[in-house]
Amino acid sequence: MFEQLTQLVKQYGGDAVVNNSAVPNEHNEAVINETSNSIFEGLKKIVSEGNTDQIAGLFNGNSPIDGNNPVVQQIQQQLSGSLGEKYGLSSSDSNGVASNLIPQILGSLVNKAKDPNDNSFQISDIINSISGNSGQASGIMETISKYGMQFGLDQNNDGKVDVADVLVVTKSKGGIAGFIGKLFGRSSS
């Protein structure tokens, strides 16, 4: 996922980084890499802190992907601090780069993950990458359960969304990727 994310950052980094006189040309590639790293690590940190509902909100479209979104804010702050510390950008310049890039990149990431015709980002791969395939899966399951009833994910009609529903889905309907895709409004066909 990190490589695809870096490609997205390069796609949007033209004006915010390469054509920005505040970012010295010798640091362009490093700033692009730092942006990718900040997004990836920022998403991982949000999950590790138990804020899986924020990640779910990002992917299911419940919150706009702008400067008011808590995920966007956290990653922008992280990136801005890193750019100032590592590359000597002023607070104003590093905030400008971060606020220009992060909403655009996260918006594109979410759109690509939700687009059934674009396989460059799969929601299940993103979740596995940012959760580290660790105990965070239970936190993500809690989030799926929280939002799942709204999306018709109670596959065994027991009134709750839980591991039993995942087992039903893994045997049909696109497996776990289909289950997670359905949560985020993406068909598994």
N, C-alpha and C. Protein backbone atom coordinates (compact mmCIF):
# COMPACT_ATOMS: atom_id res chain seq x y z
N MET A 1 0.82 -1.19 0.00
CA MET A 1 0.00 0.00 0.00
C MET A 1 0.87 1.26 0.00
N PHE A 2 2.01 1.19 0.66
CA PHE A 2 2.86 2.38 0.78
C PHE A 2 3.31 2.89 -0.58
N GLU A 3 3.64 1.97 -1.49
CA GLU A 3 4.10 2.38 -2.82
C GLU A 3 2.99 3.10 -3.59
N GLN A 4 1.76 2.56 -3.50
CA GLN A 4 0.63 3.20 -4.18
C GLN A 4 0.35 4.58 -3.56
N LEU A 5 0.49 4.66 -2.26
CA LEU A 5 0.29 5.93 -1.57
C LEU A 5 1.33 6.96 -2.03
N THR A 6 2.57 6.54 -2.16
CA THR A 6 3.62 7.44 -2.63
C THR A 6 3.32 7.93 -4.04
N GLN A 7 2.76 7.07 -4.89
CA GLN A 7 2.38 7.50 -6.24
C GLN A 7 1.28 8.57 -6.19
N LEU A 8 0.33 8.41 -5.28
CA LEU A 8 -0.71 9.43 -5.11
C LEU A 8 -0.10 10.75 -4.66
N VAL A 9 0.82 10.69 -3.72
CA VAL A 9 1.46 11.92 -3.23
C VAL A 9 2.22 12.59 -4.37
N LYS A 10 2.91 11.83 -5.19
CA LYS A 10 3.63 12.41 -6.33
C LYS A 10 2.64 13.06 -7.30
N GLN A 11 1.48 12.42 -7.47
CA GLN A 11 0.47 12.96 -8.37
C GLN A 11 -0.01 14.34 -7.90
N TYR A 12 -0.18 14.50 -6.60
CA TYR A 12 -0.70 15.77 -6.07
C TYR A 12 0.39 16.70 -5.57
N GLY A 13 1.64 16.26 -5.59
CA GLY A 13 2.72 17.05 -5.03
C GLY A 13 3.28 18.14 -5.91
N GLY A 14 2.81 18.25 -7.14
CA GLY A 14 3.36 19.24 -8.06
C GLY A 14 3.33 20.65 -7.52
N ASP A 15 2.15 21.18 -7.29
CA ASP A 15 2.03 22.56 -6.82
C ASP A 15 2.46 22.72 -5.37
N ALA A 16 2.07 21.78 -4.52
CA ALA A 16 2.33 21.92 -3.09
C ALA A 16 3.80 21.72 -2.73
N VAL A 17 4.53 20.95 -3.54
CA VAL A 17 5.92 20.66 -3.22
C VAL A 17 6.86 21.12 -4.32
N VAL A 18 6.77 20.52 -5.50
CA VAL A 18 7.74 20.76 -6.57
C VAL A 18 7.72 22.21 -7.04
N ASN A 19 6.54 22.78 -7.24
CA ASN A 19 6.44 24.16 -7.72
C ASN A 19 6.31 25.18 -6.59
N ASN A 20 6.67 24.78 -5.39
CA ASN A 20 6.57 25.64 -4.22
C ASN A 20 7.96 26.16 -3.87
N SER A 21 8.15 27.46 -3.98
CA SER A 21 9.47 28.04 -3.71
C SER A 21 9.89 27.90 -2.24
N ALA A 22 8.95 27.63 -1.35
CA ALA A 22 9.28 27.45 0.07
C ALA A 22 9.95 26.10 0.32
N VAL A 23 9.78 25.16 -0.62
CA VAL A 23 10.40 23.84 -0.48
C VAL A 23 11.62 23.81 -1.40
N PRO A 24 12.82 23.78 -0.83
CA PRO A 24 14.02 23.74 -1.68
C PRO A 24 13.99 22.51 -2.59
N ASN A 25 14.37 22.71 -3.85
CA ASN A 25 14.32 21.63 -4.84
C ASN A 25 15.03 20.36 -4.39
N GLU A 26 16.14 20.51 -3.66
CA GLU A 26 16.88 19.32 -3.22
C GLU A 26 16.09 18.49 -2.19
N HIS A 27 15.01 19.06 -1.66
CA HIS A 27 14.19 18.34 -0.67
C HIS A 27 12.87 17.84 -1.25
N ASN A 28 12.60 18.10 -2.52
CA ASN A 28 11.30 17.72 -3.09
C ASN A 28 10.96 16.25 -2.88
N GLU A 29 11.88 15.36 -3.27
CA GLU A 29 11.60 13.93 -3.15
C GLU A 29 11.46 13.52 -1.69
N ALA A 30 12.29 14.07 -0.83
CA ALA A 30 12.21 13.74 0.60
C ALA A 30 10.89 14.22 1.21
N VAL A 31 10.41 15.38 0.78
CA VAL A 31 9.14 15.91 1.28
C VAL A 31 7.99 15.02 0.80
N ILE A 32 8.06 14.57 -0.43
CA ILE A 32 7.03 13.65 -0.96
C ILE A 32 7.03 12.36 -0.14
N ASN A 33 8.21 11.81 0.12
CA ASN A 33 8.31 10.58 0.91
C ASN A 33 7.82 10.80 2.33
N GLU A 34 8.15 11.95 2.90
CA GLU A 34 7.71 12.28 4.26
C GLU A 34 6.19 12.40 4.31
N THR A 35 5.60 12.94 3.27
CA THR A 35 4.14 13.05 3.20
C THR A 35 3.51 11.67 3.18
N SER A 36 4.03 10.78 2.35
CA SER A 36 3.51 9.40 2.30
C SER A 36 3.63 8.73 3.65
N ASN A 37 4.79 8.87 4.26
CA ASN A 37 5.04 8.27 5.56
C ASN A 37 4.10 8.84 6.62
N SER A 38 3.89 10.15 6.61
CA SER A 38 3.00 10.78 7.60
C SER A 38 1.57 10.28 7.46
N ILE A 39 1.11 10.12 6.22
CA ILE A 39 -0.25 9.62 6.01
C ILE A 39 -0.36 8.19 6.52
N PHE A 40 0.56 7.34 6.10
CA PHE A 40 0.52 5.93 6.48
C PHE A 40 0.63 5.77 8.00
N GLU A 41 1.64 6.41 8.58
CA GLU A 41 1.84 6.30 10.03
C GLU A 41 0.71 6.98 10.80
N GLY A 42 0.19 8.07 10.26
CA GLY A 42 -0.93 8.76 10.91
C GLY A 42 -2.17 7.89 10.97
N LEU A 43 -2.49 7.21 9.88
CA LEU A 43 -3.63 6.29 9.86
C LEU A 43 -3.41 5.13 10.83
N LYS A 44 -2.18 4.61 10.86
CA LYS A 44 -1.87 3.53 11.79
C LYS A 44 -2.03 4.00 13.24
N LYS A 45 -1.58 5.21 13.52
CA LYS A 45 -1.67 5.74 14.88
C LYS A 45 -3.13 5.91 15.30
N ILE A 46 -3.95 6.40 14.40
CA ILE A 46 -5.37 6.58 14.71
C ILE A 46 -6.00 5.24 15.06
N VAL A 47 -5.69 4.21 14.30
CA VAL A 47 -6.21 2.87 14.58
C VAL A 47 -5.66 2.36 15.91
N SER A 48 -4.36 2.54 16.14
CA SER A 48 -3.74 2.02 17.37
C SER A 48 -4.29 2.71 18.61
N GLU A 49 -4.77 3.94 18.46
CA GLU A 49 -5.37 4.66 19.58
C GLU A 49 -6.84 4.31 19.77
N GLY A 50 -7.33 3.39 18.95
CA GLY A 50 -8.70 2.93 19.10
C GLY A 50 -9.74 3.80 18.42
N ASN A 51 -9.32 4.69 17.56
CA ASN A 51 -10.26 5.59 16.88
C ASN A 51 -10.68 5.04 15.52
N THR A 52 -11.06 3.78 15.52
CA THR A 52 -11.45 3.14 14.27
C THR A 52 -12.72 3.77 13.69
N ASP A 53 -13.55 4.37 14.55
CA ASP A 53 -14.75 5.03 14.03
C ASP A 53 -14.39 6.21 13.15
N GLN A 54 -13.26 6.88 13.44
CA GLN A 54 -12.80 7.97 12.58
C GLN A 54 -12.39 7.45 11.22
N ILE A 55 -11.71 6.31 11.21
CA ILE A 55 -11.30 5.70 9.93
C ILE A 55 -12.54 5.27 9.15
N ALA A 56 -13.50 4.64 9.85
CA ALA A 56 -14.74 4.22 9.19
C ALA A 56 -15.47 5.43 8.63
N GLY A 57 -15.52 6.52 9.40
CA GLY A 57 -16.17 7.74 8.94
C GLY A 57 -15.50 8.31 7.70
N LEU A 58 -14.18 8.19 7.65
CA LEU A 58 -13.43 8.67 6.49
C LEU A 58 -13.84 7.90 5.23
N PHE A 59 -13.92 6.57 5.35
CA PHE A 59 -14.19 5.74 4.19
C PHE A 59 -15.66 5.61 3.84
N ASN A 60 -16.56 5.80 4.78
CA ASN A 60 -17.96 5.65 4.42
C ASN A 60 -18.63 6.96 4.05
N GLY A 61 -17.86 8.06 4.08
CA GLY A 61 -18.37 9.33 3.61
C GLY A 61 -19.21 10.09 4.62
N ASN A 62 -19.18 9.68 5.89
CA ASN A 62 -19.94 10.39 6.91
C ASN A 62 -19.35 11.76 7.24
N SER A 63 -18.07 11.94 6.97
CA SER A 63 -17.43 13.23 7.25
C SER A 63 -16.72 13.72 6.00
N PRO A 64 -16.84 15.02 5.73
CA PRO A 64 -16.09 15.56 4.60
C PRO A 64 -14.58 15.43 4.84
N ILE A 65 -13.85 15.24 3.76
CA ILE A 65 -12.39 15.11 3.88
C ILE A 65 -11.80 16.49 3.66
N ASP A 66 -11.84 17.26 4.74
CA ASP A 66 -11.32 18.63 4.70
C ASP A 66 -10.63 18.94 6.02
N GLY A 67 -10.25 20.19 6.21
CA GLY A 67 -9.51 20.59 7.40
C GLY A 67 -10.26 20.44 8.70
N ASN A 68 -11.56 20.18 8.66
CA ASN A 68 -12.34 19.98 9.88
C ASN A 68 -12.43 18.50 10.27
N ASN A 69 -12.02 17.61 9.39
CA ASN A 69 -12.06 16.18 9.66
C ASN A 69 -10.93 15.84 10.64
N PRO A 70 -11.23 15.12 11.74
CA PRO A 70 -10.18 14.82 12.73
C PRO A 70 -9.02 14.00 12.17
N VAL A 71 -9.28 13.13 11.22
CA VAL A 71 -8.20 12.35 10.61
C VAL A 71 -7.29 13.28 9.82
N VAL A 72 -7.89 14.15 9.03
CA VAL A 72 -7.13 15.11 8.24
C VAL A 72 -6.30 16.01 9.17
N GLN A 73 -6.94 16.52 10.22
CA GLN A 73 -6.25 17.41 11.16
C GLN A 73 -5.03 16.74 11.78
N GLN A 74 -5.21 15.51 12.25
CA GLN A 74 -4.11 14.81 12.91
C GLN A 74 -2.94 14.58 11.96
N ILE A 75 -3.23 14.16 10.74
CA ILE A 75 -2.16 13.88 9.78
C ILE A 75 -1.50 15.18 9.33
N GLN A 76 -2.28 16.23 9.13
CA GLN A 76 -1.71 17.53 8.76
C GLN A 76 -0.76 18.03 9.84
N GLN A 77 -1.15 17.92 11.10
CA GLN A 77 -0.28 18.36 12.19
C GLN A 77 1.01 17.56 12.23
N GLN A 78 0.88 16.25 12.05
CA GLN A 78 2.07 15.39 12.05
C GLN A 78 3.01 15.76 10.91
N LEU A 79 2.46 15.92 9.71
CA LEU A 79 3.29 16.26 8.55
C LEU A 79 3.91 17.64 8.71
N SER A 80 3.13 18.60 9.14
CA SER A 80 3.63 19.95 9.30
C SER A 80 4.81 19.99 10.27
N GLY A 81 4.68 19.29 11.39
CA GLY A 81 5.77 19.24 12.36
C GLY A 81 7.01 18.59 11.79
N SER A 82 6.83 17.50 11.04
CA SER A 82 7.97 16.81 10.44
C SER A 82 8.68 17.67 9.41
N LEU A 83 7.91 18.38 8.59
CA LEU A 83 8.53 19.22 7.55
C LEU A 83 9.34 20.35 8.17
N GLY A 84 8.83 20.93 9.23
CA GLY A 84 9.57 21.99 9.91
C GLY A 84 10.83 21.46 10.56
N GLU A 85 10.70 20.33 11.24
CA GLU A 85 11.82 19.75 11.98
C GLU A 85 12.90 19.20 11.06
N LYS A 86 12.51 18.46 10.03
CA LYS A 86 13.49 17.77 9.19
C LYS A 86 14.03 18.61 8.04
N TYR A 87 13.22 19.56 7.53
CA TYR A 87 13.63 20.27 6.33
C TYR A 87 13.68 21.78 6.51
N GLY A 88 13.47 22.23 7.73
CA GLY A 88 13.63 23.64 8.04
C GLY A 88 12.56 24.56 7.47
N LEU A 89 11.42 24.02 7.07
CA LEU A 89 10.34 24.88 6.57
C LEU A 89 9.75 25.66 7.73
N SER A 90 9.36 26.89 7.45
CA SER A 90 8.71 27.69 8.49
C SER A 90 7.37 27.04 8.84
N SER A 91 6.83 27.44 9.97
CA SER A 91 5.54 26.90 10.40
C SER A 91 4.47 27.18 9.35
N SER A 92 4.48 28.39 8.83
CA SER A 92 3.49 28.78 7.82
C SER A 92 3.64 27.94 6.55
N ASP A 93 4.89 27.77 6.09
CA ASP A 93 5.13 27.00 4.87
C ASP A 93 4.79 25.52 5.05
N SER A 94 5.20 24.95 6.18
CA SER A 94 4.92 23.53 6.39
C SER A 94 3.42 23.30 6.57
N ASN A 95 2.71 24.22 7.23
CA ASN A 95 1.26 24.12 7.34
C ASN A 95 0.60 24.23 5.97
N GLY A 96 1.13 25.11 5.12
CA GLY A 96 0.59 25.28 3.78
C GLY A 96 0.73 24.02 2.94
N VAL A 97 1.90 23.39 3.01
CA VAL A 97 2.13 22.15 2.26
C VAL A 97 1.18 21.07 2.76
N ALA A 98 1.12 20.92 4.08
CA ALA A 98 0.28 19.85 4.67
C ALA A 98 -1.20 20.08 4.37
N SER A 99 -1.67 21.31 4.52
CA SER A 99 -3.10 21.56 4.31
C SER A 99 -3.48 21.49 2.84
N ASN A 100 -2.52 21.68 1.95
CA ASN A 100 -2.78 21.52 0.52
C ASN A 100 -2.82 20.05 0.13
N LEU A 101 -1.88 19.27 0.65
CA LEU A 101 -1.75 17.88 0.21
C LEU A 101 -2.69 16.89 0.89
N ILE A 102 -2.79 16.95 2.20
CA ILE A 102 -3.46 15.87 2.95
C ILE A 102 -4.92 15.69 2.54
N PRO A 103 -5.75 16.75 2.49
CA PRO A 103 -7.14 16.51 2.07
C PRO A 103 -7.26 15.95 0.65
N GLN A 104 -6.43 16.45 -0.26
CA GLN A 104 -6.48 15.95 -1.64
C GLN A 104 -6.11 14.48 -1.72
N ILE A 105 -5.04 14.10 -1.04
CA ILE A 105 -4.55 12.73 -1.11
C ILE A 105 -5.52 11.78 -0.43
N LEU A 106 -5.99 12.14 0.78
CA LEU A 106 -6.95 11.26 1.46
C LEU A 106 -8.25 11.15 0.66
N GLY A 107 -8.69 12.25 0.07
CA GLY A 107 -9.89 12.21 -0.76
C GLY A 107 -9.72 11.27 -1.94
N SER A 108 -8.58 11.35 -2.59
CA SER A 108 -8.30 10.47 -3.72
C SER A 108 -8.19 9.02 -3.27
N LEU A 109 -7.53 8.78 -2.14
CA LEU A 109 -7.39 7.44 -1.60
C LEU A 109 -8.76 6.82 -1.33
N VAL A 110 -9.63 7.58 -0.68
CA VAL A 110 -10.97 7.09 -0.37
C VAL A 110 -11.76 6.84 -1.65
N ASN A 111 -11.71 7.77 -2.60
CA ASN A 111 -12.43 7.59 -3.86
C ASN A 111 -11.95 6.36 -4.63
N LYS A 112 -10.63 6.16 -4.64
CA LYS A 112 -10.08 4.99 -5.33
C LYS A 112 -10.49 3.70 -4.62
N ALA A 113 -10.48 3.72 -3.29
CA ALA A 113 -10.85 2.53 -2.53
C ALA A 113 -12.33 2.18 -2.71
N LYS A 114 -13.17 3.19 -2.93
CA LYS A 114 -14.60 2.95 -3.08
C LYS A 114 -15.01 2.68 -4.52
N ASP A 115 -14.14 2.95 -5.47
CA ASP A 115 -14.46 2.78 -6.89
C ASP A 115 -14.28 1.32 -7.31
N PRO A 116 -15.37 0.63 -7.65
CA PRO A 116 -15.25 -0.78 -8.04
C PRO A 116 -14.45 -0.99 -9.33
N ASN A 117 -14.24 0.07 -10.09
CA ASN A 117 -13.48 -0.04 -11.34
C ASN A 117 -12.00 0.30 -11.17
N ASP A 118 -11.60 0.64 -9.95
CA ASP A 118 -10.21 1.01 -9.67
C ASP A 118 -9.66 0.05 -8.63
N ASN A 119 -8.74 -0.80 -9.02
CA ASN A 119 -8.18 -1.78 -8.10
C ASN A 119 -6.86 -1.34 -7.47
N SER A 120 -6.47 -0.07 -7.63
CA SER A 120 -5.19 0.37 -7.08
C SER A 120 -5.20 0.38 -5.56
N PHE A 121 -6.36 0.60 -4.94
CA PHE A 121 -6.48 0.56 -3.48
C PHE A 121 -7.71 -0.26 -3.14
N GLN A 122 -7.54 -1.27 -2.33
CA GLN A 122 -8.64 -2.09 -1.83
C GLN A 122 -8.85 -1.73 -0.36
N ILE A 123 -10.09 -1.53 0.03
CA ILE A 123 -10.37 -1.17 1.42
C ILE A 123 -9.80 -2.20 2.38
N SER A 124 -9.95 -3.48 2.05
CA SER A 124 -9.44 -4.52 2.94
C SER A 124 -7.92 -4.43 3.08
N ASP A 125 -7.22 -4.12 1.99
CA ASP A 125 -5.76 -3.97 2.05
C ASP A 125 -5.37 -2.77 2.90
N ILE A 126 -6.10 -1.69 2.76
CA ILE A 126 -5.81 -0.49 3.55
C ILE A 126 -5.98 -0.80 5.03
N ILE A 127 -7.11 -1.44 5.38
CA ILE A 127 -7.37 -1.75 6.78
C ILE A 127 -6.31 -2.70 7.32
N ASN A 128 -5.95 -3.73 6.54
CA ASN A 128 -4.90 -4.65 6.99
C ASN A 128 -3.57 -3.94 7.17
N SER A 129 -3.25 -3.03 6.27
CA SER A 129 -1.98 -2.30 6.37
C SER A 129 -1.93 -1.40 7.59
N ILE A 130 -3.00 -0.67 7.83
CA ILE A 130 -2.95 0.28 8.94
C ILE A 130 -3.21 -0.37 10.30
N SER A 131 -3.83 -1.55 10.30
CA SER A 131 -4.05 -2.23 11.57
C SER A 131 -2.89 -3.17 11.89
N GLY A 132 -2.03 -3.41 10.89
CA GLY A 132 -0.88 -4.28 11.10
C GLY A 132 -1.28 -5.72 11.34
N ASN A 133 -2.49 -6.10 10.92
CA ASN A 133 -2.99 -7.46 11.13
C ASN A 133 -2.85 -7.89 12.58
N SER A 134 -2.98 -6.94 13.50
CA SER A 134 -2.80 -7.23 14.91
C SER A 134 -4.13 -7.31 15.63
N GLY A 135 -4.09 -7.12 16.92
CA GLY A 135 -5.30 -7.12 17.73
C GLY A 135 -6.24 -6.00 17.38
N GLN A 136 -5.80 -5.07 16.54
CA GLN A 136 -6.67 -3.97 16.13
C GLN A 136 -7.84 -4.47 15.29
N ALA A 137 -7.74 -5.67 14.79
CA ALA A 137 -8.85 -6.21 14.01
C ALA A 137 -10.12 -6.24 14.84
N SER A 138 -9.98 -6.50 16.15
CA SER A 138 -11.17 -6.51 17.01
C SER A 138 -11.76 -5.11 17.10
N GLY A 139 -10.91 -4.10 17.15
CA GLY A 139 -11.41 -2.72 17.17
C GLY A 139 -12.11 -2.37 15.87
N ILE A 140 -11.58 -2.86 14.78
CA ILE A 140 -12.21 -2.62 13.49
C ILE A 140 -13.54 -3.38 13.44
N MET A 141 -13.57 -4.58 14.00
CA MET A 141 -14.82 -5.33 14.05
C MET A 141 -15.87 -4.58 14.88
N GLU A 142 -15.44 -3.94 15.99
CA GLU A 142 -16.38 -3.15 16.78
C GLU A 142 -16.95 -2.02 15.93
N THR A 143 -16.10 -1.40 15.14
CA THR A 143 -16.56 -0.32 14.28
C THR A 143 -17.50 -0.86 13.21
N ILE A 144 -17.15 -2.00 12.65
CA ILE A 144 -18.03 -2.62 11.66
C ILE A 144 -19.38 -2.93 12.29
N SER A 145 -19.34 -3.44 13.51
CA SER A 145 -20.59 -3.73 14.21
C SER A 145 -21.39 -2.46 14.45
N LYS A 146 -20.69 -1.41 14.85
CA LYS A 146 -21.35 -0.13 15.14
C LYS A 146 -22.07 0.41 13.90
N TYR A 147 -21.39 0.36 12.76
CA TYR A 147 -21.96 0.90 11.53
C TYR A 147 -22.66 -0.15 10.68
N GLY A 148 -22.37 -1.40 10.95
CA GLY A 148 -22.81 -2.48 10.08
C GLY A 148 -24.30 -2.64 9.94
N MET A 149 -25.04 -2.42 11.01
CA MET A 149 -26.48 -2.57 10.92
C MET A 149 -27.07 -1.59 9.91
N GLN A 150 -26.47 -0.41 9.80
CA GLN A 150 -26.95 0.60 8.85
C GLN A 150 -26.74 0.14 7.41
N PHE A 151 -25.80 -0.74 7.19
CA PHE A 151 -25.45 -1.14 5.83
C PHE A 151 -25.91 -2.56 5.50
N GLY A 152 -26.75 -3.13 6.35
CA GLY A 152 -27.28 -4.47 6.06
C GLY A 152 -26.25 -5.57 6.14
N LEU A 153 -25.32 -5.46 7.06
CA LEU A 153 -24.25 -6.44 7.16
C LEU A 153 -24.56 -7.59 8.12
N ASP A 154 -25.74 -7.59 8.73
CA ASP A 154 -26.12 -8.68 9.63
C ASP A 154 -26.51 -9.86 8.75
N GLN A 155 -25.51 -10.64 8.37
CA GLN A 155 -25.70 -11.71 7.39
C GLN A 155 -26.48 -12.90 7.92
N ASN A 156 -26.44 -13.14 9.23
CA ASN A 156 -27.16 -14.28 9.78
C ASN A 156 -28.43 -13.87 10.53
N ASN A 157 -28.82 -12.61 10.40
CA ASN A 157 -30.08 -12.08 10.95
C ASN A 157 -30.24 -12.32 12.45
N ASP A 158 -29.14 -12.16 13.21
CA ASP A 158 -29.24 -12.34 14.66
C ASP A 158 -29.33 -11.01 15.41
N GLY A 159 -29.45 -9.90 14.67
CA GLY A 159 -29.62 -8.59 15.30
C GLY A 159 -28.33 -7.89 15.66
N LYS A 160 -27.20 -8.46 15.29
CA LYS A 160 -25.92 -7.81 15.54
C LYS A 160 -24.95 -8.18 14.43
N VAL A 161 -23.90 -7.36 14.28
CA VAL A 161 -22.87 -7.64 13.30
C VAL A 161 -21.65 -8.08 14.08
N ASP A 162 -21.22 -9.32 13.85
CA ASP A 162 -20.10 -9.86 14.61
C ASP A 162 -19.32 -10.85 13.76
N VAL A 163 -18.43 -11.58 14.40
CA VAL A 163 -17.58 -12.52 13.69
C VAL A 163 -18.40 -13.58 12.96
N ALA A 164 -19.53 -13.97 13.52
CA ALA A 164 -20.38 -14.96 12.84
C ALA A 164 -20.80 -14.46 11.46
N ASP A 165 -21.07 -13.16 11.34
CA ASP A 165 -21.44 -12.60 10.04
C ASP A 165 -20.25 -12.63 9.08
N VAL A 166 -19.06 -12.40 9.62
CA VAL A 166 -17.86 -12.46 8.79
C VAL A 166 -17.69 -13.89 8.26
N LEU A 167 -17.91 -14.89 9.12
CA LEU A 167 -17.78 -16.27 8.68
C LEU A 167 -18.77 -16.61 7.57
N VAL A 168 -20.00 -16.12 7.69
CA VAL A 168 -21.00 -16.33 6.64
C VAL A 168 -20.50 -15.73 5.33
N VAL A 169 -19.97 -14.52 5.42
CA VAL A 169 -19.55 -13.81 4.21
C VAL A 169 -18.29 -14.41 3.61
N THR A 170 -17.38 -14.92 4.43
CA THR A 170 -16.15 -15.47 3.87
C THR A 170 -16.42 -16.70 3.03
N LYS A 171 -17.56 -17.34 3.26
CA LYS A 171 -17.93 -18.51 2.46
C LYS A 171 -18.64 -18.13 1.18
N SER A 172 -19.04 -16.87 1.06
CA SER A 172 -19.75 -16.40 -0.13
C SER A 172 -19.59 -14.90 -0.26
N LYS A 173 -20.16 -14.33 -1.30
CA LYS A 173 -20.26 -12.88 -1.49
C LYS A 173 -18.92 -12.16 -1.44
N GLY A 174 -17.87 -12.75 -1.97
CA GLY A 174 -16.60 -12.04 -2.08
C GLY A 174 -15.70 -12.13 -0.87
N GLY A 175 -16.03 -12.96 0.10
CA GLY A 175 -15.18 -13.14 1.26
C GLY A 175 -15.10 -11.90 2.13
N ILE A 176 -14.06 -11.83 2.93
CA ILE A 176 -13.91 -10.71 3.88
C ILE A 176 -13.77 -9.39 3.13
N ALA A 177 -13.12 -9.40 1.98
CA ALA A 177 -13.00 -8.17 1.20
C ALA A 177 -14.37 -7.67 0.77
N GLY A 178 -15.26 -8.58 0.42
CA GLY A 178 -16.63 -8.19 0.06
C GLY A 178 -17.38 -7.63 1.25
N PHE A 179 -17.16 -8.23 2.42
CA PHE A 179 -17.80 -7.76 3.65
C PHE A 179 -17.35 -6.34 3.99
N ILE A 180 -16.03 -6.14 3.98
CA ILE A 180 -15.50 -4.81 4.30
C ILE A 180 -15.89 -3.83 3.19
N GLY A 181 -15.84 -4.27 1.95
CA GLY A 181 -16.24 -3.39 0.85
C GLY A 181 -17.68 -2.96 0.98
N LYS A 182 -18.55 -3.88 1.39
CA LYS A 182 -19.95 -3.53 1.56
C LYS A 182 -20.13 -2.48 2.65
N LEU A 183 -19.34 -2.62 3.73
CA LEU A 183 -19.38 -1.63 4.81
C LEU A 183 -19.11 -0.24 4.27
N PHE A 184 -18.17 -0.14 3.36
CA PHE A 184 -17.77 1.17 2.85
C PHE A 184 -18.42 1.51 1.51
N GLY A 185 -19.52 0.84 1.21
CA GLY A 185 -20.31 1.20 0.04
C GLY A 185 -19.74 0.76 -1.28
N ARG A 186 -18.94 -0.30 -1.27
CA ARG A 186 -18.34 -0.78 -2.52
C ARG A 186 -18.82 -2.19 -2.76
N SER A 187 -19.33 -2.44 -3.94
CA SER A 187 -19.85 -3.77 -4.23
C SER A 187 -18.68 -4.74 -4.41
N SER A 188 -18.96 -6.02 -4.18
CA SER A 188 -17.90 -7.03 -4.31
C SER A 188 -17.93 -7.72 -5.66
N SER A 189 -18.73 -7.23 -6.58
CA SER A 189 -18.79 -7.86 -7.91
C SER A 189 -17.70 -7.38 -8.81
